[in-house]
Every structure is written in structure tokens, then in C-alpha cells.
Amino acid sequence: MRPFFLILVATAAAWADQLQVGRAAVVITPEPGTPMAGYYSIRLATGTHDDLQAKAIVFAKDGKKAAMVACDLVAIPAHTVEEARRLASQSTGIPGENIIISATHSHTGPIIIGRGARDAQYGGNHPAVKRFMEGLPGKIAEAIGKANAALTPARASVGVGKDGSVAFNRRFHMKDGSVGWNPGKLNPNILRVAGPIDPDVAVALFETTDGKPLATYVNYACHLDTVGGTEWSADYPYTLSKILGGVKGNDMLTLFTIGTAGNINHVDVTNKLPQKGHQEAARIGTVLAGEVLKTYTRLTPVEDAPLVTRRERIQLAPAKVTPTDVDRAKTIAAKVGTADNPKFIDTVFAFKALDAEARKGQAYDTDIQVISLGKQAAWVSLPGEVFVELGQAIKQASPFPITIVVELAHGPTTYIPNRAAFPQGNYEVVSSRCDIGSGEHLVETAVKLLKEAYQQ
């Protein structure tokens, strides 16, 4: 028995030194009739096109563990993230600060409680929403637990494809001197686009040591608002997952996260073609799947190096409002849903001003996290819907050849424009619950953590 025992010990020690990866998915689809997220209106779900899921990948190496989770939701508030981390840490031993939990930003998921006056207005107090939110942390923790239980010796490879055909900056300089937001197809008053896109299609492939696909991680910066309607759907990542699974095997998990897409969507204003519905989502998912399949052929193996994690808690100053702003907001909010329903941008302003006034100047507590593998690839998570310029600034300053920036990975779940956008105004700026400079604070902290991780 003694030699066999020594073999077991030696094998366990060898596995501890080697990268191990586990993956799992848990269905989180709410019940029919639950209010849906994404718009300034009430929509009740009538059915399911494809199930919403919480997908998890767990890493283990040299006695350290980390996890990344993506949920097919419009956002995840901070209190839900913290509770899911607590439950997952309790069951797996993975430290909460080593767990990144993000939302894909699907607009065909349920409305989320905990983001402010807007959600309460459009169905956030519905009993089905409350039931969903109460069960969500446990389901996220369940996905992490299942992935942890499935850990197996693995190898990783990474690469970045490019696609600039399905994502567009949705802010435009207009002929009247303003900056427009989603100004409409073939609008003759458009002068030029107001900002860039990020064409990176980041890909990480995880396989067993004998080459069996375990998981593919994909990151791309484009709003998930292509479906519409009243059916639950993960939007274009559904098609992406289906195609990659058809090629690599349905046992492989495809985990998609959204890059910094606060000012990026799928609408091409240079043509009049309609761009809404499941067919549009399938088109975008197919295009991205094609780029992932091409990128598979040029992935770089990740060196045998430590799994490194970093996290820093930061505070973001809330948006400033005046007593006059608050009085105006109350007047506007009282008319929402009536025959005298306010203009869209006025409604946006009203809910933002009421939320800002309710904070009484209290800063938003949030965190930024980094997980890196070797010297080749790092993931960095940010709160909110972040403007693409900020994500690109992080990538450009990062010491890692491949830096994957994930938004909507903690609270506050609000738009975070770059400094230059604030004087331009319009939807994202009017909606932002954070003060000017918050985005640059994210960049500074993220780059610092990335540099620290690279030095390990």
C-alpha cells in the first residue's frame, strides 16, 4: 500500500503545480411574465428563445484558484456580486477577491433590482423579479462550485482576432454642432462618427492535456441589444456558442464577455437595412464565430507560469446635481407613464437626478480585478458600461501582449464616459451616475494592477 500511497501523493503534487481548468453552466432563466430589462418601458416575458445562463471557468495552479463568471443579464448590482462571491468562497475555498462576476448586457434578460429609480418604475418591484434576484447569487455560486468540482489538468492558448464589420460607435458629430446618439439610419444631418470602435475579438482556448476542448473564452465590445421582443435570449452569444460547440464539440463551454461598449452598438447608419430580431443576433454571432474559428489557427500557448490575481477597492464620485435639477426631475418623473409622458432624454435625466440626490454625495464603492496567466494574457474587470476609449487606453498601457477588458463586473451599473465626452452631452452622459473623471480613475487603477501582476 505504501508505494501506491506515494504515487497518489506525487500525482497530487504534480497536479498542484500544473494548470487545472474546470467549467460549468447553470440555467438562470426567469419564469414567464417576469418584467424584462433594457428599455424605458415595461415588457413582460412571454417565452424563451434560448436559456439564460451563468457560465463559469475556474483556474487552479500552484495551490491558488481563481474564477470568472459571465451571466446572460443586462447588469449585476454590487450586492449580488458580493453575495455570490461569499457563497462560492464558502463552498469552494476560492477567495472572493479572486472571482470576477460580470454581465453580458443582454437586453432580453430580466430587469435587475438595485440600480435605482428607473428599475422600480419599470417593473423592479414585481414579485417574480424579487424571486429571481433572491435566487441569483446561489445559482452563480452553483456554477462556480460545479466548475471547481470539474477541475482537470489543462493547457491554455490565447490570441486576438479582428472584426470591424458588426460594431459601430453610436455617437456622431451632427451638422448643428451637437453630438447625436443613435441618430437614425441615413440621417442627412450626420457629419462624422464621434469616436472609435474596438475590433479585437479576444480568444482563450482551454483544453485537456490530450487536446480535448474544455472551454473557449471570447470577448468583444458591442452592445447586446440586437433581439428585442419579449422572449428570453442571450442575444448574439447564443449563436456564437452554438457554432463553436458544433465545431469543437457540444461538451465545450463558450463563455462570452462584453468589452468596453458603453458607446458601441451594432447599428450601421450608412444603410437602411433593418437590424433587429433573432436573425440579426444570429448574423452577428455567426460573424464573430467565424473570426474565432480563424483565430484558433494562430493561438499562442500560454507559458508555464504562475496564476496571478490582483484586486483593488476604489470609490467613484457620484454625479453632481443641484436642487433645481432635483425639482425638475421630480416634475418629470411624475409624468412618466401618463398621457403627458416626457421626452426620452428628459426621462433619462429625471431618473439620474433622483438617484444622484438619493446618494447625498456618497461615493460608489467598487472594485477592479486582474487575473493573469503567464506573461501573455491578463483579464481586467471594470464596473459599469465603459466608453470604448477607456478600454483601449488600458490595453495600450498594459504590459501584457493580450489584455482582455471586461465591463459590467460590479457596481455601479451605470454609463462611465471618458472625460472628453462629458461636455458633448447626450444619452450616456445624461444617464451617468458617476462624476466626470471616473473613467480615467478606472484606467489608472487597472493599469497599476496589470503592471503589478506582470511583475510576479
Protein backbone atom coordinates (compact mmCIF):
# COMPACT_ATOMS: atom_id res chain seq x y z
CA MET A 1 0.00 0.00 0.00
CA ARG A 2 2.83 2.36 0.80
CA PRO A 3 4.19 2.67 -2.79
CA PHE A 4 0.63 3.26 -4.11
CA PHE A 5 0.09 5.95 -1.48
CA LEU A 6 3.35 7.63 -2.51
CA ILE A 7 2.23 7.56 -6.16
CA LEU A 8 -1.04 9.27 -5.20
CA VAL A 9 0.82 11.93 -3.24
CA ALA A 10 3.27 12.52 -6.07
CA THR A 11 0.41 12.76 -8.60
CA ALA A 12 -1.49 15.25 -6.44
CA ALA A 13 1.66 17.36 -6.04
CA ALA A 14 2.25 17.34 -9.80
CA TRP A 15 -1.34 18.41 -10.46
CA ALA A 16 -1.00 21.25 -7.96
CA ASP A 17 1.96 22.60 -9.96
CA GLN A 18 0.14 22.27 -13.29
CA LEU A 19 -2.64 24.48 -14.60
CA GLN A 20 -6.05 22.96 -14.00
CA VAL A 21 -9.28 24.24 -15.54
CA GLY A 22 -12.91 23.46 -14.79
CA ARG A 23 -16.01 24.82 -16.46
CA ALA A 24 -19.75 24.70 -15.88
CA ALA A 25 -23.02 26.41 -16.76
CA VAL A 26 -26.21 26.83 -14.75
CA VAL A 27 -29.53 27.92 -16.28
CA ILE A 28 -30.86 31.15 -14.73
CA THR A 29 -33.87 31.76 -16.99
CA PRO A 30 -36.63 33.52 -15.01
CA GLU A 31 -40.27 32.47 -15.03
CA PRO A 32 -42.58 33.73 -17.82
CA GLY A 33 -44.29 37.00 -17.06
CA THR A 34 -41.20 38.49 -15.40
CA PRO A 35 -40.50 42.11 -16.44
CA MET A 36 -37.61 42.42 -18.89
CA ALA A 37 -34.65 44.79 -18.86
CA GLY A 38 -33.04 47.11 -21.36
CA TYR A 39 -35.52 49.84 -22.18
CA TYR A 40 -37.51 52.68 -20.63
CA SER A 41 -40.74 50.70 -20.80
CA ILE A 42 -42.44 47.68 -19.24
CA ARG A 43 -42.11 44.38 -21.14
CA LEU A 44 -43.28 41.09 -19.69
CA ALA A 45 -41.54 37.95 -20.93
CA THR A 46 -43.80 35.69 -22.97
CA GLY A 47 -41.44 32.78 -23.53
CA THR A 48 -37.89 31.54 -24.04
CA HIS A 49 -35.95 31.57 -27.30
CA ASP A 50 -32.80 30.28 -25.61
CA ASP A 51 -31.99 29.86 -21.93
CA LEU A 52 -30.10 32.47 -19.97
CA GLN A 53 -27.10 31.01 -18.17
CA ALA A 54 -24.40 31.72 -15.61
CA LYS A 55 -21.19 30.30 -17.10
CA ALA A 56 -18.07 29.78 -15.01
CA ILE A 57 -14.43 28.91 -15.62
CA VAL A 58 -12.25 28.06 -12.62
CA PHE A 59 -8.44 28.05 -12.71
CA ALA A 60 -6.09 26.32 -10.27
CA LYS A 61 -2.31 26.41 -10.21
CA ASP A 62 0.39 26.20 -7.55
CA GLY A 63 -2.24 25.97 -4.82
CA LYS A 64 -4.05 29.14 -5.99
CA LYS A 65 -7.53 29.32 -7.50
CA ALA A 66 -9.48 31.96 -9.41
CA ALA A 67 -12.78 32.06 -11.25
CA MET A 68 -14.51 34.04 -13.98
CA VAL A 69 -18.28 34.05 -14.43
CA ALA A 70 -20.43 35.60 -17.15
CA CYS A 71 -24.21 35.89 -16.75
CA ASP A 72 -26.70 36.49 -19.55
CA LEU A 73 -28.08 39.59 -17.85
CA VAL A 74 -28.21 43.32 -18.55
CA ALA A 75 -26.20 44.02 -15.37
CA ILE A 76 -25.37 42.65 -11.93
CA PRO A 77 -25.55 45.02 -8.94
CA ALA A 78 -22.75 45.08 -6.39
CA HIS A 79 -24.74 43.42 -3.60
CA THR A 80 -25.49 40.42 -5.83
CA VAL A 81 -21.83 40.07 -6.80
CA GLU A 82 -20.73 40.22 -3.17
CA GLU A 83 -23.28 37.61 -2.04
CA ALA A 84 -22.40 35.26 -4.91
CA ARG A 85 -18.71 35.59 -4.06
CA ARG A 86 -19.42 34.85 -0.41
CA LEU A 87 -21.42 31.74 -1.21
CA ALA A 88 -18.90 30.49 -3.75
CA SER A 89 -15.97 31.06 -1.42
CA GLN A 90 -17.82 29.24 1.33
CA SER A 91 -18.36 26.15 -0.82
CA THR A 92 -15.10 26.07 -2.82
CA GLY A 93 -12.49 27.91 -0.80
CA ILE A 94 -11.81 30.29 -3.70
CA PRO A 95 -11.22 33.74 -2.19
CA GLY A 96 -13.95 36.20 -3.13
CA GLU A 97 -11.37 38.69 -4.38
CA ASN A 98 -10.25 36.07 -6.93
CA ILE A 99 -13.73 35.76 -8.50
CA ILE A 100 -14.75 38.02 -11.40
CA ILE A 101 -18.53 38.06 -11.97
CA SER A 102 -19.83 40.04 -14.93
CA ALA A 103 -22.96 40.52 -17.02
CA THR A 104 -23.00 40.18 -20.80
CA HIS A 105 -25.53 43.04 -21.04
CA SER A 106 -28.29 41.11 -22.78
CA HIS A 107 -31.35 43.33 -23.21
CA THR A 108 -33.53 40.22 -23.35
CA GLY A 109 -32.96 39.23 -19.73
CA PRO A 110 -34.90 40.24 -16.61
CA ILE A 111 -34.95 43.68 -15.07
CA ILE A 112 -32.50 43.91 -12.20
CA ILE A 113 -33.24 45.29 -8.74
CA GLY A 114 -30.76 47.59 -7.05
CA ARG A 115 -29.88 50.08 -9.75
CA GLY A 116 -32.19 52.97 -8.84
CA ALA A 117 -35.48 54.71 -9.54
CA ARG A 118 -35.67 53.66 -13.19
CA ASP A 119 -35.90 49.95 -12.41
CA ALA A 120 -38.56 50.50 -9.78
CA GLN A 121 -40.63 52.40 -12.36
CA TYR A 122 -40.44 49.67 -14.99
CA GLY A 123 -41.19 46.51 -13.03
CA GLY A 124 -38.46 46.15 -10.43
CA ASN A 125 -40.99 45.62 -7.65
CA HIS A 126 -42.69 42.71 -9.42
CA PRO A 127 -42.76 39.58 -7.21
CA ALA A 128 -41.17 37.48 -9.98
CA VAL A 129 -38.23 39.89 -10.16
CA LYS A 130 -37.73 39.69 -6.40
CA ARG A 131 -37.79 35.89 -6.53
CA PHE A 132 -35.26 35.90 -9.35
CA MET A 133 -32.90 38.26 -7.55
CA GLU A 134 -33.10 36.26 -4.33
CA GLY A 135 -32.06 33.08 -6.12
CA LEU A 136 -29.43 34.58 -8.42
CA PRO A 137 -26.41 34.60 -6.04
CA GLY A 138 -26.94 30.94 -5.25
CA LYS A 139 -27.09 30.00 -8.93
CA ILE A 140 -23.91 31.92 -9.71
CA ALA A 141 -22.19 30.20 -6.79
CA GLU A 142 -23.53 26.85 -8.04
CA ALA A 143 -21.86 27.42 -11.42
CA ILE A 144 -18.56 28.19 -9.72
CA GLY A 145 -18.91 25.15 -7.48
CA LYS A 146 -19.58 22.83 -10.43
CA ALA A 147 -16.63 24.24 -12.35
CA ASN A 148 -14.41 23.81 -9.31
CA ALA A 149 -15.52 20.18 -8.97
CA ALA A 150 -14.65 19.59 -12.64
CA LEU A 151 -11.02 20.81 -12.41
CA THR A 152 -8.71 18.81 -14.63
CA PRO A 153 -5.11 19.23 -15.87
CA ALA A 154 -5.26 21.59 -18.82
CA ARG A 155 -3.37 23.77 -21.24
CA ALA A 156 -4.26 27.27 -22.38
CA SER A 157 -3.65 29.21 -25.58
CA VAL A 158 -4.60 32.78 -26.44
CA GLY A 159 -4.96 35.07 -29.42
CA VAL A 160 -6.77 38.11 -30.80
CA GLY A 161 -8.78 38.25 -33.99
CA LYS A 162 -10.19 41.39 -35.57
CA ASP A 163 -13.67 42.27 -36.79
CA GLY A 164 -14.82 45.79 -37.55
CA SER A 165 -17.92 44.85 -39.52
CA VAL A 166 -20.57 44.37 -36.82
CA ALA A 167 -19.76 47.06 -34.23
CA PHE A 168 -20.26 50.81 -34.61
CA ASN A 169 -19.73 53.85 -32.43
CA ARG A 170 -23.24 55.19 -31.81
CA ARG A 171 -22.25 58.83 -31.13
CA PHE A 172 -21.93 61.26 -34.05
CA HIS A 173 -20.98 64.86 -34.67
CA MET A 174 -24.02 66.49 -36.24
CA LYS A 175 -24.32 69.44 -38.62
CA ASP A 176 -25.88 71.63 -35.93
CA GLY A 177 -22.74 71.31 -33.78
CA SER A 178 -24.20 68.80 -31.33
CA VAL A 179 -23.15 65.23 -30.67
CA GLY A 180 -26.00 62.87 -31.50
CA TRP A 181 -26.75 59.43 -30.06
CA ASN A 182 -28.26 56.74 -32.29
CA PRO A 183 -29.32 59.46 -34.77
CA GLY A 184 -31.03 57.03 -37.14
CA LYS A 185 -30.16 55.35 -40.40
CA LEU A 186 -29.23 57.55 -43.37
CA ASN A 187 -29.70 60.68 -41.27
CA PRO A 188 -28.59 63.55 -43.56
CA ASN A 189 -27.56 65.67 -40.57
CA ILE A 190 -24.70 63.33 -39.59
CA LEU A 191 -21.26 64.82 -40.17
CA ARG A 192 -18.96 62.10 -38.87
CA VAL A 193 -18.63 59.46 -36.16
CA ALA A 194 -17.55 60.86 -32.78
CA GLY A 195 -15.30 58.02 -31.68
CA PRO A 196 -13.67 54.68 -32.47
CA ILE A 197 -14.66 51.05 -32.04
CA ASP A 198 -12.53 48.24 -30.65
CA PRO A 199 -12.31 45.48 -33.29
CA ASP A 200 -10.48 42.99 -31.02
CA VAL A 201 -12.02 39.53 -30.80
CA ALA A 202 -10.07 38.12 -27.86
CA VAL A 203 -9.96 34.32 -27.68
CA ALA A 204 -8.66 31.97 -24.99
CA LEU A 205 -8.91 28.22 -25.59
CA PHE A 206 -8.64 25.76 -22.71
CA GLU A 207 -8.07 22.08 -23.48
CA THR A 208 -7.19 18.94 -21.57
CA THR A 209 -3.56 17.87 -21.80
CA ASP A 210 -4.52 15.40 -24.54
CA GLY A 211 -6.28 18.09 -26.60
CA LYS A 212 -9.97 17.75 -25.67
CA PRO A 213 -11.67 21.20 -25.75
CA LEU A 214 -12.89 22.34 -22.35
CA ALA A 215 -13.83 25.98 -22.85
CA THR A 216 -13.44 28.93 -25.18
CA TYR A 217 -13.48 32.42 -23.71
CA VAL A 218 -14.48 35.20 -26.14
CA ASN A 219 -14.52 38.94 -25.53
CA TYR A 220 -15.87 41.61 -27.90
CA ALA A 221 -17.02 45.21 -27.46
CA CYS A 222 -20.56 45.60 -28.79
CA HIS A 223 -23.89 46.16 -27.04
CA LEU A 224 -26.13 43.10 -26.73
CA ASP A 225 -29.29 44.79 -27.98
CA THR A 226 -29.97 43.09 -31.28
CA VAL A 227 -33.01 40.91 -30.49
CA GLY A 228 -35.75 42.97 -28.86
CA GLY A 229 -39.18 41.43 -28.37
CA THR A 230 -40.40 39.55 -25.32
CA GLU A 231 -38.53 36.23 -25.40
CA TRP A 232 -35.66 35.43 -23.08
CA SER A 233 -32.41 35.23 -25.05
CA ALA A 234 -28.66 35.52 -24.54
CA ASP A 235 -28.60 37.54 -27.81
CA TYR A 236 -25.73 37.01 -30.26
CA PRO A 237 -23.52 34.96 -27.85
CA TYR A 238 -26.15 32.22 -28.18
CA THR A 239 -25.31 31.71 -31.86
CA LEU A 240 -21.61 32.15 -31.16
CA SER A 241 -21.76 29.33 -28.59
CA LYS A 242 -23.85 27.09 -30.84
CA ILE A 243 -21.47 27.37 -33.78
CA LEU A 244 -18.29 26.90 -31.76
CA GLY A 245 -19.86 23.93 -30.00
CA GLY A 246 -20.76 22.44 -33.36
CA VAL A 247 -17.11 22.64 -34.42
CA LYS A 248 -15.31 21.79 -31.19
CA GLY A 249 -17.96 19.56 -29.60
CA ASN A 250 -21.06 20.39 -27.63
CA ASP A 251 -19.29 19.46 -24.40
CA MET A 252 -17.13 22.58 -24.78
CA LEU A 253 -18.31 25.67 -22.88
CA THR A 254 -18.23 29.01 -24.69
CA LEU A 255 -18.08 31.90 -22.25
CA PHE A 256 -18.64 35.36 -23.74
CA THR A 257 -17.94 38.66 -22.01
CA ILE A 258 -18.57 42.16 -23.30
CA GLY A 259 -15.68 44.55 -23.76
CA THR A 260 -15.92 48.29 -23.16
CA ALA A 261 -19.02 49.01 -25.24
CA GLY A 262 -20.68 51.92 -23.45
CA ASN A 263 -20.80 53.87 -26.70
CA ILE A 264 -20.76 50.93 -29.15
CA ASN A 265 -23.65 49.05 -30.73
CA HIS A 266 -24.47 47.03 -33.87
CA VAL A 267 -26.36 49.70 -35.84
CA ASP A 268 -24.86 50.70 -39.19
CA VAL A 269 -26.33 54.12 -40.01
CA THR A 270 -24.93 54.09 -43.55
CA ASN A 271 -27.66 51.77 -44.85
CA LYS A 272 -31.40 51.40 -44.42
CA LEU A 273 -31.45 47.66 -43.74
CA PRO A 274 -33.41 46.65 -40.60
CA GLN A 275 -31.21 45.37 -37.77
CA LYS A 276 -33.43 43.88 -35.09
CA GLY A 277 -34.54 40.39 -34.16
CA HIS A 278 -33.18 36.88 -33.75
CA GLN A 279 -31.90 36.84 -37.33
CA GLU A 280 -29.74 39.90 -36.68
CA ALA A 281 -28.40 38.33 -33.49
CA ALA A 282 -27.64 35.15 -35.42
CA ARG A 283 -25.83 37.13 -38.12
CA ILE A 284 -23.58 38.88 -35.61
CA GLY A 285 -22.94 35.67 -33.68
CA THR A 286 -22.03 33.91 -36.92
CA VAL A 287 -19.59 36.64 -37.97
CA LEU A 288 -17.86 36.54 -34.58
CA ALA A 289 -17.79 32.74 -34.58
CA GLY A 290 -16.07 32.84 -37.95
CA GLU A 291 -13.40 35.16 -36.57
CA VAL A 292 -12.91 32.91 -33.52
CA LEU A 293 -12.51 29.88 -35.79
CA LYS A 294 -9.84 31.71 -37.78
CA THR A 295 -8.14 32.84 -34.58
CA TYR A 296 -7.99 29.23 -33.32
CA THR A 297 -5.37 28.57 -36.02
CA ARG A 298 -2.98 31.22 -34.69
CA LEU A 299 -3.28 30.90 -30.93
CA THR A 300 -0.15 31.10 -28.79
CA PRO A 301 0.34 28.55 -25.97
CA VAL A 302 0.48 30.12 -22.51
CA GLU A 303 3.80 29.53 -20.80
CA ASP A 304 4.01 27.53 -17.59
CA ALA A 305 3.92 30.47 -15.19
CA PRO A 306 2.05 31.45 -12.02
CA LEU A 307 -1.65 32.23 -11.87
CA VAL A 308 -1.71 35.79 -10.55
CA THR A 309 -4.67 37.74 -9.13
CA ARG A 310 -4.96 41.34 -8.05
CA ARG A 311 -7.86 43.42 -6.73
CA GLU A 312 -8.23 46.99 -5.52
CA ARG A 313 -11.29 48.58 -3.95
CA ILE A 314 -11.90 52.11 -5.19
CA GLN A 315 -14.51 54.81 -4.84
CA LEU A 316 -16.17 56.66 -7.70
CA ALA A 317 -17.66 60.07 -7.02
CA PRO A 318 -21.41 60.32 -7.79
CA ALA A 319 -22.82 62.68 -10.39
CA LYS A 320 -23.44 66.18 -9.11
CA VAL A 321 -26.95 67.63 -9.20
CA THR A 322 -28.38 70.91 -7.96
CA PRO A 323 -31.63 71.47 -6.03
CA THR A 324 -33.05 72.92 -9.25
CA ASP A 325 -32.14 69.69 -11.07
CA VAL A 326 -33.91 67.65 -8.41
CA ASP A 327 -37.07 69.78 -8.52
CA ARG A 328 -37.18 69.47 -12.31
CA ALA A 329 -36.57 65.71 -12.07
CA LYS A 330 -39.49 65.24 -9.68
CA THR A 331 -41.81 67.12 -12.02
CA ILE A 332 -40.71 65.00 -14.99
CA ALA A 333 -40.86 61.69 -13.09
CA ALA A 334 -44.44 62.38 -12.01
CA LYS A 335 -45.46 62.43 -15.68
CA VAL A 336 -43.75 59.16 -16.68
CA GLY A 337 -46.32 56.65 -17.88
CA THR A 338 -49.10 59.23 -18.15
CA ALA A 339 -50.75 60.76 -21.19
CA ASP A 340 -48.23 63.59 -20.83
CA ASN A 341 -45.26 61.21 -20.96
CA PRO A 342 -41.98 63.20 -21.07
CA LYS A 343 -39.43 63.13 -23.87
CA PHE A 344 -36.97 60.24 -23.66
CA ILE A 345 -33.91 62.32 -22.76
CA ASP A 346 -35.90 64.18 -20.08
CA THR A 347 -36.91 60.85 -18.53
CA VAL A 348 -33.27 59.75 -18.56
CA PHE A 349 -32.27 62.97 -16.82
CA ALA A 350 -35.01 62.65 -14.21
CA PHE A 351 -34.09 59.15 -13.03
CA LYS A 352 -30.40 60.04 -12.95
CA ALA A 353 -31.04 63.20 -10.91
CA LEU A 354 -33.27 61.37 -8.43
CA ASP A 355 -30.67 58.63 -7.96
CA ALA A 356 -27.90 61.19 -7.52
CA GLU A 357 -29.94 63.15 -4.97
CA ALA A 358 -30.69 59.96 -3.02
CA ARG A 359 -26.97 59.25 -2.58
CA LYS A 360 -26.41 62.56 -0.75
CA GLY A 361 -22.88 62.73 -2.12
CA GLN A 362 -21.94 59.20 -1.03
CA ALA A 363 -19.32 57.65 -3.33
CA TYR A 364 -19.83 54.35 -5.12
CA ASP A 365 -17.70 51.54 -3.68
CA THR A 366 -16.49 49.16 -6.36
CA ASP A 367 -13.50 47.06 -7.27
CA ILE A 368 -11.19 46.37 -10.17
CA GLN A 369 -9.76 42.88 -10.58
CA VAL A 370 -6.98 41.29 -12.61
CA ILE A 371 -6.38 37.62 -13.38
CA SER A 372 -3.30 36.74 -15.43
CA LEU A 373 -1.79 33.59 -16.88
CA GLY A 374 1.90 33.76 -17.57
CA LYS A 375 3.30 36.82 -19.27
CA GLN A 376 0.98 36.55 -22.24
CA ALA A 377 -2.58 37.20 -21.15
CA ALA A 378 -4.49 39.10 -18.48
CA TRP A 379 -8.14 39.78 -17.76
CA VAL A 380 -9.15 43.04 -16.10
CA SER A 381 -12.69 43.72 -14.87
CA LEU A 382 -14.38 47.11 -14.64
CA PRO A 383 -17.72 48.29 -13.26
CA GLY A 384 -20.38 49.88 -15.41
CA GLU A 385 -20.82 50.43 -19.13
CA VAL A 386 -17.47 51.92 -20.04
CA PHE A 387 -16.69 54.02 -23.10
CA VAL A 388 -14.50 52.23 -25.63
CA GLU A 389 -11.76 54.86 -25.47
CA LEU A 390 -11.12 53.93 -21.84
CA GLY A 391 -10.80 50.22 -22.60
CA GLN A 392 -8.37 50.97 -25.41
CA ALA A 393 -6.28 53.14 -23.08
CA ILE A 394 -5.95 50.20 -20.68
CA LYS A 395 -4.90 47.84 -23.46
CA GLN A 396 -2.35 50.29 -24.80
CA ALA A 397 -0.75 50.82 -21.37
CA SER A 398 -0.84 47.17 -20.29
CA PRO A 399 2.46 45.25 -20.22
CA PHE A 400 0.67 42.07 -21.34
CA PRO A 401 0.61 41.28 -25.08
CA ILE A 402 -3.06 40.31 -24.71
CA THR A 403 -5.25 42.23 -22.26
CA ILE A 404 -8.93 41.36 -22.12
CA VAL A 405 -11.07 44.14 -20.63
CA VAL A 406 -14.45 43.10 -19.19
CA GLU A 407 -17.12 45.63 -18.26
CA LEU A 408 -20.23 45.31 -16.06
CA ALA A 409 -18.29 43.32 -13.46
CA HIS A 410 -19.50 45.02 -10.28
CA GLY A 411 -21.47 48.10 -9.34
CA PRO A 412 -22.28 50.82 -10.12
CA THR A 413 -24.18 49.58 -13.16
CA THR A 414 -24.14 52.90 -14.98
CA TYR A 415 -22.53 54.51 -18.01
CA ILE A 416 -18.95 55.64 -17.46
CA PRO A 417 -17.94 58.01 -20.29
CA ASN A 418 -14.43 59.30 -20.85
CA ARG A 419 -13.67 62.86 -19.79
CA ALA A 420 -13.87 64.26 -23.34
CA ALA A 421 -17.47 63.04 -23.77
CA PHE A 422 -18.99 64.91 -20.83
CA PRO A 423 -19.17 68.37 -22.44
CA GLN A 424 -20.66 66.73 -25.57
CA GLY A 425 -23.68 65.53 -23.60
CA ASN A 426 -26.45 63.27 -24.87
CA TYR A 427 -27.75 59.93 -23.59
CA GLU A 428 -24.79 58.21 -21.94
CA VAL A 429 -23.57 61.42 -20.30
CA VAL A 430 -27.04 62.47 -19.16
CA SER A 431 -27.61 58.96 -17.79
CA SER A 432 -24.25 58.56 -15.99
CA ARG A 433 -24.47 58.30 -12.21
CA CYS A 434 -20.70 58.87 -11.91
CA ASP A 435 -18.88 62.18 -11.92
CA ILE A 436 -16.56 63.34 -14.66
CA GLY A 437 -13.13 61.69 -14.37
CA SER A 438 -14.45 58.38 -13.07
CA GLY A 439 -13.45 56.60 -16.26
CA GLU A 440 -9.89 57.85 -16.08
CA HIS A 441 -9.77 56.67 -12.45
CA LEU A 442 -10.68 53.18 -13.68
CA VAL A 443 -7.92 53.28 -16.28
CA GLU A 444 -5.27 54.43 -13.80
CA THR A 445 -6.14 51.71 -11.29
CA ALA A 446 -6.45 48.95 -13.89
CA VAL A 447 -3.06 49.74 -15.44
CA LYS A 448 -1.43 49.79 -12.00
CA LEU A 449 -2.82 46.35 -11.17
CA LEU A 450 -1.81 44.95 -14.55
CA LYS A 451 1.76 46.14 -14.05
CA GLU A 452 1.84 44.58 -10.60
CA ALA A 453 0.58 41.27 -11.95
CA TYR A 454 3.13 41.29 -14.76
CA GLN A 455 5.98 41.62 -12.28
CA GLN A 456 5.04 38.39 -10.46
